[in-house]
Amino acid sequence: MARAFETDITLNAQRELRLADADSSAYVGFKAPSTITTNRIWTLPAADGTTGQVLSTNGSGVLSWATAGGGGGGSSVGDNLYLNVNCI
């Protein structure tokens, strides 16, 4: 049974957001880092990217699809992950 949420959802104390597969035998998920210095919300793109594209940020919390570059050093994801969930 689907349930609609009309408010923000907060998972406290590093709780995981889990998304189960078709028979709920396995899942993928997200979890916040252990230390956060400030609140952060990322806005997902409205459409899917194309093959080879990756999510990229504009530094202000807006994500978009970009063609992946070759090589280079690692990067780190900052602060916190909040997802605004609008269920209808």
PDB file of N, CA and C in Angstrom:
ATOM      1  N   MET A   1       0.838  -1.173   0.000  1.00  0.00           N
ATOM      2  CA  MET A   1       0.000   0.000   0.000  1.00  0.00           C
ATOM      3  C   MET A   1       0.889   1.244   0.000  1.00  0.00           C
ATOM      4  N   ALA A   2       0.652   2.130  -0.935  1.00  0.00           N
ATOM      5  CA  ALA A   2       1.414   3.382  -1.015  1.00  0.00           C
ATOM      6  C   ALA A   2       0.943   4.347   0.057  1.00  0.00           C
ATOM      7  N   ARG A   3       1.892   5.114   0.575  1.00  0.00           N
ATOM      8  CA  ARG A   3       1.558   6.123   1.570  1.00  0.00           C
ATOM      9  C   ARG A   3       2.111   7.457   1.102  1.00  0.00           C
ATOM     10  N   ALA A   4       1.313   8.502   1.202  1.00  0.00           N
ATOM     11  CA  ALA A   4       1.731   9.836   0.790  1.00  0.00           C
ATOM     12  C   ALA A   4       2.256  10.605   1.993  1.00  0.00           C
ATOM     13  N   PHE A   5       3.391  11.272   1.820  1.00  0.00           N
ATOM     14  CA  PHE A   5       3.955  12.137   2.845  1.00  0.00           C
ATOM     15  C   PHE A   5       3.877  13.565   2.342  1.00  0.00           C
ATOM     16  N   GLU A   6       3.379  14.450   3.167  1.00  0.00           N
ATOM     17  CA  GLU A   6       3.259  15.843   2.765  1.00  0.00           C
ATOM     18  C   GLU A   6       4.148  16.748   3.602  1.00  0.00           C
ATOM     19  N   THR A   7       5.158  16.166   4.259  1.00  0.00           N
ATOM     20  CA  THR A   7       6.124  16.920   5.047  1.00  0.00           C
ATOM     21  C   THR A   7       7.515  16.372   4.762  1.00  0.00           C
ATOM     22  N   ASP A   8       8.535  17.078   5.251  1.00  0.00           N
ATOM     23  CA  ASP A   8       9.892  16.563   5.131  1.00  0.00           C
ATOM     24  C   ASP A   8      10.042  15.351   6.031  1.00  0.00           C
ATOM     25  N   ILE A   9      10.934  14.465   5.674  1.00  0.00           N
ATOM     26  CA  ILE A   9      11.213  13.265   6.455  1.00  0.00           C
ATOM     27  C   ILE A   9      12.651  13.352   6.941  1.00  0.00           C
ATOM     28  N   THR A  10      12.859  13.218   8.239  1.00  0.00           N
ATOM     29  CA  THR A  10      14.204  13.243   8.802  1.00  0.00           C
ATOM     30  C   THR A  10      14.516  11.882   9.402  1.00  0.00           C
ATOM     31  N   LEU A  11      15.653  11.308   9.019  1.00  0.00           N
ATOM     32  CA  LEU A  11      16.143  10.068   9.605  1.00  0.00           C
ATOM     33  C   LEU A  11      17.250  10.462  10.577  1.00  0.00           C
ATOM     34  N   ASN A  12      17.023  10.293  11.867  1.00  0.00           N
ATOM     35  CA  ASN A  12      17.975  10.728  12.887  1.00  0.00           C
ATOM     36  C   ASN A  12      19.123   9.761  13.087  1.00  0.00           C
ATOM     37  N   ALA A  13      20.217  10.272  13.646  1.00  0.00           N
ATOM     38  CA  ALA A  13      21.358   9.486  14.121  1.00  0.00           C
ATOM     39  C   ALA A  13      21.921   8.536  13.071  1.00  0.00           C
ATOM     40  N   GLN A  14      22.161   9.050  11.884  1.00  0.00           N
ATOM     41  CA  GLN A  14      22.747   8.286  10.781  1.00  0.00           C
ATOM     42  C   GLN A  14      21.918   7.079  10.357  1.00  0.00           C
ATOM     43  N   ARG A  15      20.632   7.118  10.540  1.00  0.00           N
ATOM     44  CA  ARG A  15      19.792   6.020  10.070  1.00  0.00           C
ATOM     45  C   ARG A  15      19.865   5.962   8.549  1.00  0.00           C
ATOM     46  N   GLU A  16      19.648   4.805   7.971  1.00  0.00           N
ATOM     47  CA  GLU A  16      19.778   4.594   6.537  1.00  0.00           C
ATOM     48  C   GLU A  16      18.445   4.757   5.817  1.00  0.00           C
ATOM     49  N   LEU A  17      18.505   5.310   4.624  1.00  0.00           N
ATOM     50  CA  LEU A  17      17.381   5.311   3.709  1.00  0.00           C
ATOM     51  C   LEU A  17      17.609   4.124   2.784  1.00  0.00           C
ATOM     52  N   ARG A  18      16.758   3.115   2.869  1.00  0.00           N
ATOM     53  CA  ARG A  18      16.932   1.883   2.091  1.00  0.00           C
ATOM     54  C   ARG A  18      15.850   1.765   1.023  1.00  0.00           C
ATOM     55  N   LEU A  19      16.265   1.381  -0.181  1.00  0.00           N
ATOM     56  CA  LEU A  19      15.360   1.167  -1.304  1.00  0.00           C
ATOM     57  C   LEU A  19      15.500  -0.294  -1.720  1.00  0.00           C
ATOM     58  N   ALA A  20      14.458  -1.074  -1.499  1.00  0.00           N
ATOM     59  CA  ALA A  20      14.505  -2.519  -1.718  1.00  0.00           C
ATOM     60  C   ALA A  20      14.250  -2.879  -3.174  1.00  0.00           C
ATOM     61  N   ASP A  21      14.767  -4.078  -3.567  1.00  0.00           N
ATOM     62  CA  ASP A  21      14.516  -4.590  -4.914  1.00  0.00           C
ATOM     63  C   ASP A  21      13.105  -5.171  -4.991  1.00  0.00           C
ATOM     64  N   ALA A  22      12.762  -5.764  -6.145  1.00  0.00           N
ATOM     65  CA  ALA A  22      11.390  -6.210  -6.418  1.00  0.00           C
ATOM     66  C   ALA A  22      10.840  -7.182  -5.387  1.00  0.00           C
ATOM     67  N   ASP A  23      11.663  -8.097  -4.864  1.00  0.00           N
ATOM     68  CA  ASP A  23      11.151  -9.056  -3.879  1.00  0.00           C
ATOM     69  C   ASP A  23      11.638  -8.738  -2.459  1.00  0.00           C
ATOM     70  N   SER A  24      12.206  -7.562  -2.279  1.00  0.00           N
ATOM     71  CA  SER A  24      12.696  -7.090  -0.973  1.00  0.00           C
ATOM     72  C   SER A  24      13.767  -7.984  -0.370  1.00  0.00           C
ATOM     73  N   SER A  25      14.510  -8.697  -1.214  1.00  0.00           N
ATOM     74  CA  SER A  25      15.572  -9.565  -0.715  1.00  0.00           C
ATOM     75  C   SER A  25      16.905  -8.836  -0.563  1.00  0.00           C
ATOM     76  N   ALA A  26      17.025  -7.663  -1.183  1.00  0.00           N
ATOM     77  CA  ALA A  26      18.248  -6.866  -1.095  1.00  0.00           C
ATOM     78  C   ALA A  26      17.871  -5.401  -1.286  1.00  0.00           C
ATOM     79  N   TYR A  27      18.791  -4.503  -0.946  1.00  0.00           N
ATOM     80  CA  TYR A  27      18.488  -3.083  -1.052  1.00  0.00           C
ATOM     81  C   TYR A  27      19.750  -2.277  -1.339  1.00  0.00           C
ATOM     82  N   VAL A  28      19.541  -1.054  -1.779  1.00  0.00           N
ATOM     83  CA  VAL A  28      20.587  -0.037  -1.872  1.00  0.00           C
ATOM     84  C   VAL A  28      20.151   1.093  -0.955  1.00  0.00           C
ATOM     85  N   GLY A  29      21.094   1.944  -0.541  1.00  0.00           N
ATOM     86  CA  GLY A  29      20.677   2.990   0.375  1.00  0.00           C
ATOM     87  C   GLY A  29      21.645   4.147   0.479  1.00  0.00           C
ATOM     88  N   PHE A  30      21.271   5.097   1.307  1.00  0.00           N
ATOM     89  CA  PHE A  30      22.068   6.275   1.601  1.00  0.00           C
ATOM     90  C   PHE A  30      22.159   6.439   3.106  1.00  0.00           C
ATOM     91  N   LYS A  31      23.266   7.033   3.556  1.00  0.00           N
ATOM     92  CA  LYS A  31      23.479   7.279   4.974  1.00  0.00           C
ATOM     93  C   LYS A  31      24.313   8.552   5.096  1.00  0.00           C
ATOM     94  N   ALA A  32      23.996   9.395   6.069  1.00  0.00           N
ATOM     95  CA  ALA A  32      24.738  10.639   6.279  1.00  0.00           C
ATOM     96  C   ALA A  32      26.098  10.346   6.903  1.00  0.00           C
ATOM     97  N   PRO A  33      27.085  11.220   6.674  1.00  0.00           N
ATOM     98  CA  PRO A  33      28.377  11.055   7.338  1.00  0.00           C
ATOM     99  C   PRO A  33      28.236  11.248   8.848  1.00  0.00           C
ATOM    100  N   SER A  34      29.248  10.822   9.607  1.00  0.00           N
ATOM    101  CA  SER A  34      29.155  10.882  11.067  1.00  0.00           C
ATOM    102  C   SER A  34      29.226  12.302  11.622  1.00  0.00           C
ATOM    103  N   THR A  35      29.911  13.204  10.946  1.00  0.00           N
ATOM    104  CA  THR A  35      30.010  14.589  11.400  1.00  0.00           C
ATOM    105  C   THR A  35      29.561  15.516  10.286  1.00  0.00           C
ATOM    106  N   ILE A  36      28.699  16.442  10.627  1.00  0.00           N
ATOM    107  CA  ILE A  36      28.152  17.387   9.664  1.00  0.00           C
ATOM    108  C   ILE A  36      28.339  18.794  10.208  1.00  0.00           C
ATOM    109  N   THR A  37      28.855  19.708   9.382  1.00  0.00           N
ATOM    110  CA  THR A  37      29.095  21.072   9.852  1.00  0.00           C
ATOM    111  C   THR A  37      27.947  22.023   9.547  1.00  0.00           C
ATOM    112  N   THR A  38      27.138  21.698   8.546  1.00  0.00           N
ATOM    113  CA  THR A  38      26.006  22.547   8.188  1.00  0.00           C
ATOM    114  C   THR A  38      24.974  21.721   7.427  1.00  0.00           C
ATOM    115  N   ASN A  39      23.733  22.151   7.443  1.00  0.00           N
ATOM    116  CA  ASN A  39      22.691  21.461   6.682  1.00  0.00           C
ATOM    117  C   ASN A  39      22.945  21.633   5.192  1.00  0.00           C
ATOM    118  N   ARG A  40      22.601  20.625   4.404  1.00  0.00           N
ATOM    119  CA  ARG A  40      22.805  20.665   2.965  1.00  0.00           C
ATOM    120  C   ARG A  40      21.674  19.890   2.299  1.00  0.00           C
ATOM    121  N   ILE A  41      21.095  20.456   1.259  1.00  0.00           N
ATOM    122  CA  ILE A  41      20.080  19.770   0.462  1.00  0.00           C
ATOM    123  C   ILE A  41      20.525  19.811  -0.990  1.00  0.00           C
ATOM    124  N   TRP A  42      20.500  18.653  -1.651  1.00  0.00           N
ATOM    125  CA  TRP A  42      20.808  18.578  -3.074  1.00  0.00           C
ATOM    126  C   TRP A  42      19.518  18.368  -3.845  1.00  0.00           C
ATOM    127  N   THR A  43      19.368  19.075  -4.951  1.00  0.00           N
ATOM    128  CA  THR A  43      18.201  18.925  -5.811  1.00  0.00           C
ATOM    129  C   THR A  43      18.585  18.059  -7.004  1.00  0.00           C
ATOM    130  N   LEU A  44      17.868  16.949  -7.169  1.00  0.00           N
ATOM    131  CA  LEU A  44      18.151  16.025  -8.273  1.00  0.00           C
ATOM    132  C   LEU A  44      17.663  16.587  -9.601  1.00  0.00           C
ATOM    133  N   PRO A  45      18.278  16.168 -10.720  1.00  0.00           N
ATOM    134  CA  PRO A  45      17.798  16.603 -12.044  1.00  0.00           C
ATOM    135  C   PRO A  45      16.410  16.041 -12.331  1.00  0.00           C
ATOM    136  N   ALA A  46      15.680  16.716 -13.219  1.00  0.00           N
ATOM    137  CA  ALA A  46      14.312  16.313 -13.551  1.00  0.00           C
ATOM    138  C   ALA A  46      14.263  15.105 -14.483  1.00  0.00           C
ATOM    139  N   ALA A  47      15.344  14.841 -15.213  1.00  0.00           N
ATOM    140  CA  ALA A  47      15.347  13.740 -16.187  1.00  0.00           C
ATOM    141  C   ALA A  47      16.612  12.910 -16.023  1.00  0.00           C
ATOM    142  N   ASP A  48      16.626  11.748 -16.636  1.00  0.00           N
ATOM    143  CA  ASP A  48      17.776  10.857 -16.603  1.00  0.00           C
ATOM    144  C   ASP A  48      18.872  11.383 -17.527  1.00  0.00           C
ATOM    145  N   GLY A  49      20.109  11.069 -17.205  1.00  0.00           N
ATOM    146  CA  GLY A  49      21.234  11.424 -18.078  1.00  0.00           C
ATOM    147  C   GLY A  49      21.375  10.399 -19.188  1.00  0.00           C
ATOM    148  N   THR A  50      22.475  10.506 -19.923  1.00  0.00           N
ATOM    149  CA  THR A  50      22.761   9.542 -20.977  1.00  0.00           C
ATOM    150  C   THR A  50      23.945   8.680 -20.561  1.00  0.00           C
ATOM    151  N   THR A  51      24.209   7.642 -21.312  1.00  0.00           N
ATOM    152  CA  THR A  51      25.292   6.722 -21.000  1.00  0.00           C
ATOM    153  C   THR A  51      26.610   7.473 -20.809  1.00  0.00           C
ATOM    154  N   GLY A  52      27.296   7.161 -19.705  1.00  0.00           N
ATOM    155  CA  GLY A  52      28.585   7.771 -19.437  1.00  0.00           C
ATOM    156  C   GLY A  52      28.521   9.061 -18.641  1.00  0.00           C
ATOM    157  N   GLN A  53      27.320   9.598 -18.435  1.00  0.00           N
ATOM    158  CA  GLN A  53      27.213  10.822 -17.656  1.00  0.00           C
ATOM    159  C   GLN A  53      27.199  10.520 -16.166  1.00  0.00           C
ATOM    160  N   VAL A  54      27.592  11.505 -15.375  1.00  0.00           N
ATOM    161  CA  VAL A  54      27.627  11.394 -13.923  1.00  0.00           C
ATOM    162  C   VAL A  54      26.913  12.595 -13.322  1.00  0.00           C
ATOM    163  N   LEU A  55      26.499  12.460 -12.067  1.00  0.00           N
ATOM    164  CA  LEU A  55      25.903  13.605 -11.386  1.00  0.00           C
ATOM    165  C   LEU A  55      26.999  14.599 -11.031  1.00  0.00           C
ATOM    166  N   SER A  56      26.737  15.866 -11.284  1.00  0.00           N
ATOM    167  CA  SER A  56      27.685  16.933 -11.012  1.00  0.00           C
ATOM    168  C   SER A  56      26.960  18.027 -10.230  1.00  0.00           C
ATOM    169  N   THR A  57      27.677  18.753  -9.381  1.00  0.00           N
ATOM    170  CA  THR A  57      27.068  19.826  -8.612  1.00  0.00           C
ATOM    171  C   THR A  57      27.533  21.186  -9.101  1.00  0.00           C
ATOM    172  N   ASN A  58      26.685  22.186  -8.930  1.00  0.00           N
ATOM    173  CA  ASN A  58      27.077  23.551  -9.263  1.00  0.00           C
ATOM    174  C   ASN A  58      27.656  24.258  -8.030  1.00  0.00           C
ATOM    175  N   GLY A  59      27.807  23.536  -6.926  1.00  0.00           N
ATOM    176  CA  GLY A  59      28.339  24.107  -5.697  1.00  0.00           C
ATOM    177  C   GLY A  59      27.290  24.780  -4.842  1.00  0.00           C
ATOM    178  N   SER A  60      26.064  24.836  -5.341  1.00  0.00           N
ATOM    179  CA  SER A  60      24.966  25.449  -4.592  1.00  0.00           C
ATOM    180  C   SER A  60      23.833  24.464  -4.345  1.00  0.00           C
ATOM    181  N   GLY A  61      24.133  23.178  -4.441  1.00  0.00           N
ATOM    182  CA  GLY A  61      23.137  22.156  -4.138  1.00  0.00           C
ATOM    183  C   GLY A  61      22.297  21.687  -5.302  1.00  0.00           C
ATOM    184  N   VAL A  62      22.563  22.169  -6.503  1.00  0.00           N
ATOM    185  CA  VAL A  62      21.797  21.735  -7.672  1.00  0.00           C
ATOM    186  C   VAL A  62      22.636  20.729  -8.445  1.00  0.00           C
ATOM    187  N   LEU A  63      22.093  19.520  -8.612  1.00  0.00           N
ATOM    188  CA  LEU A  63      22.782  18.460  -9.345  1.00  0.00           C
ATOM    189  C   LEU A  63      22.303  18.418 -10.784  1.00  0.00           C
ATOM    190  N   SER A  64      23.207  18.100 -11.697  1.00  0.00           N
ATOM    191  CA  SER A  64      22.858  17.951 -13.105  1.00  0.00           C
ATOM    192  C   SER A  64      23.725  16.845 -13.686  1.00  0.00           C
ATOM    193  N   TRP A  65      23.385  16.406 -14.888  1.00  0.00           N
ATOM    194  CA  TRP A  65      24.155  15.373 -15.561  1.00  0.00           C
ATOM    195  C   TRP A  65      25.285  16.017 -16.344  1.00  0.00           C
ATOM    196  N   ALA A  66      26.486  15.443 -16.269  1.00  0.00           N
ATOM    197  CA  ALA A  66      27.651  15.944 -17.001  1.00  0.00           C
ATOM    198  C   ALA A  66      28.433  14.756 -17.531  1.00  0.00           C
ATOM    199  N   THR A  67      29.127  14.956 -18.626  1.00  0.00           N
ATOM    200  CA  THR A  67      29.963  13.911 -19.178  1.00  0.00           C
ATOM    201  C   THR A  67      31.173  13.719 -18.277  1.00  0.00           C
ATOM    202  N   ALA A  68      31.439  12.481 -17.914  1.00  0.00           N
ATOM    203  CA  ALA A  68      32.548  12.173 -17.004  1.00  0.00           C
ATOM    204  C   ALA A  68      33.869  12.502 -17.671  1.00  0.00           C
ATOM    205  N   GLY A  69      34.763  13.124 -16.904  1.00  0.00           N
ATOM    206  CA  GLY A  69      36.100  13.417 -17.405  1.00  0.00           C
ATOM    207  C   GLY A  69      37.007  12.215 -17.187  1.00  0.00           C
ATOM    208  N   GLY A  70      38.142  12.220 -17.809  1.00  0.00           N
ATOM    209  CA  GLY A  70      39.068  11.113 -17.648  1.00  0.00           C
ATOM    210  C   GLY A  70      40.063  11.354 -16.536  1.00  0.00           C
ATOM    211  N   GLY A  71      40.387  10.317 -15.763  1.00  0.00           N
ATOM    212  CA  GLY A  71      41.450  10.343 -14.762  1.00  0.00           C
ATOM    213  C   GLY A  71      41.284  11.409 -13.709  1.00  0.00           C
ATOM    214  N   GLY A  72      42.365  11.676 -13.001  1.00  0.00           N
ATOM    215  CA  GLY A  72      42.347  12.714 -11.985  1.00  0.00           C
ATOM    216  C   GLY A  72      42.262  12.144 -10.600  1.00  0.00           C
ATOM    217  N   GLY A  73      42.339  13.030  -9.644  1.00  0.00           N
ATOM    218  CA  GLY A  73      42.310  12.627  -8.241  1.00  0.00           C
ATOM    219  C   GLY A  73      40.912  12.349  -7.752  1.00  0.00           C
ATOM    220  N   GLY A  74      40.854  11.892  -6.529  1.00  0.00           N
ATOM    221  CA  GLY A  74      39.573  11.609  -5.903  1.00  0.00           C
ATOM    222  C   GLY A  74      38.883  12.878  -5.454  1.00  0.00           C
ATOM    223  N   SER A  75      37.675  12.734  -5.025  1.00  0.00           N
ATOM    224  CA  SER A  75      36.932  13.864  -4.494  1.00  0.00           C
ATOM    225  C   SER A  75      36.159  13.398  -3.276  1.00  0.00           C
ATOM    226  N   SER A  76      35.694  14.346  -2.516  1.00  0.00           N
ATOM    227  CA  SER A  76      34.904  13.987  -1.348  1.00  0.00           C
ATOM    228  C   SER A  76      33.563  14.684  -1.418  1.00  0.00           C
ATOM    229  N   VAL A  77      32.546  14.025  -0.902  1.00  0.00           N
ATOM    230  CA  VAL A  77      31.209  14.592  -0.864  1.00  0.00           C
ATOM    231  C   VAL A  77      31.071  15.335   0.445  1.00  0.00           C
ATOM    232  N   GLY A  78      30.615  16.548   0.403  1.00  0.00           N
ATOM    233  CA  GLY A  78      30.535  17.367   1.608  1.00  0.00           C
ATOM    234  C   GLY A  78      29.303  17.096   2.439  1.00  0.00           C
ATOM    235  N   ASP A  79      29.485  17.277   3.706  1.00  0.00           N
ATOM    236  CA  ASP A  79      28.465  17.378   4.731  1.00  0.00           C
ATOM    237  C   ASP A  79      27.373  16.321   4.707  1.00  0.00           C
ATOM    238  N   ASN A  80      26.159  16.694   4.413  1.00  0.00           N
ATOM    239  CA  ASN A  80      25.000  15.890   4.723  1.00  0.00           C
ATOM    240  C   ASN A  80      24.177  15.599   3.472  1.00  0.00           C
ATOM    241  N   LEU A  81      23.413  14.537   3.501  1.00  0.00           N
ATOM    242  CA  LEU A  81      22.513  14.221   2.409  1.00  0.00           C
ATOM    243  C   LEU A  81      21.096  14.259   2.922  1.00  0.00           C
ATOM    244  N   TYR A  82      20.304  15.172   2.412  1.00  0.00           N
ATOM    245  CA  TYR A  82      18.887  15.252   2.710  1.00  0.00           C
ATOM    246  C   TYR A  82      18.144  14.994   1.420  1.00  0.00           C
ATOM    247  N   LEU A  83      17.099  14.214   1.468  1.00  0.00           N
ATOM    248  CA  LEU A  83      16.283  13.991   0.295  1.00  0.00           C
ATOM    249  C   LEU A  83      14.889  14.516   0.580  1.00  0.00           C
ATOM    250  N   ASN A  84      14.397  15.389  -0.284  1.00  0.00           N
ATOM    251  CA  ASN A  84      13.011  15.815  -0.170  1.00  0.00           C
ATOM    252  C   ASN A  84      12.173  14.776  -0.898  1.00  0.00           C
ATOM    253  N   VAL A  85      11.265  14.126  -0.187  1.00  0.00           N
ATOM    254  CA  VAL A  85      10.470  13.053  -0.757  1.00  0.00           C
ATOM    255  C   VAL A  85       9.028  13.542  -0.879  1.00  0.00           C
ATOM    256  N   ASN A  86       8.544  13.611  -2.097  1.00  0.00           N
ATOM    257  CA  ASN A  86       7.163  13.991  -2.330  1.00  0.00           C
ATOM    258  C   ASN A  86       6.445  12.777  -2.898  1.00  0.00           C
ATOM    259  N   CYS A  87       5.655  12.123  -2.099  1.00  0.00           N
ATOM    260  CA  CYS A  87       4.926  10.926  -2.525  1.00  0.00           C
ATOM    261  C   CYS A  87       3.483  11.302  -2.790  1.00  0.00           C
ATOM    262  N   ILE A  88       2.938  10.803  -3.899  1.00  0.00           N
ATOM    263  CA  ILE A  88       1.531  11.072  -4.201  1.00  0.00           C
ATOM    264  C   ILE A  88       0.801   9.784  -4.425  1.00  0.00           C
TER     265      ILE A  88
END
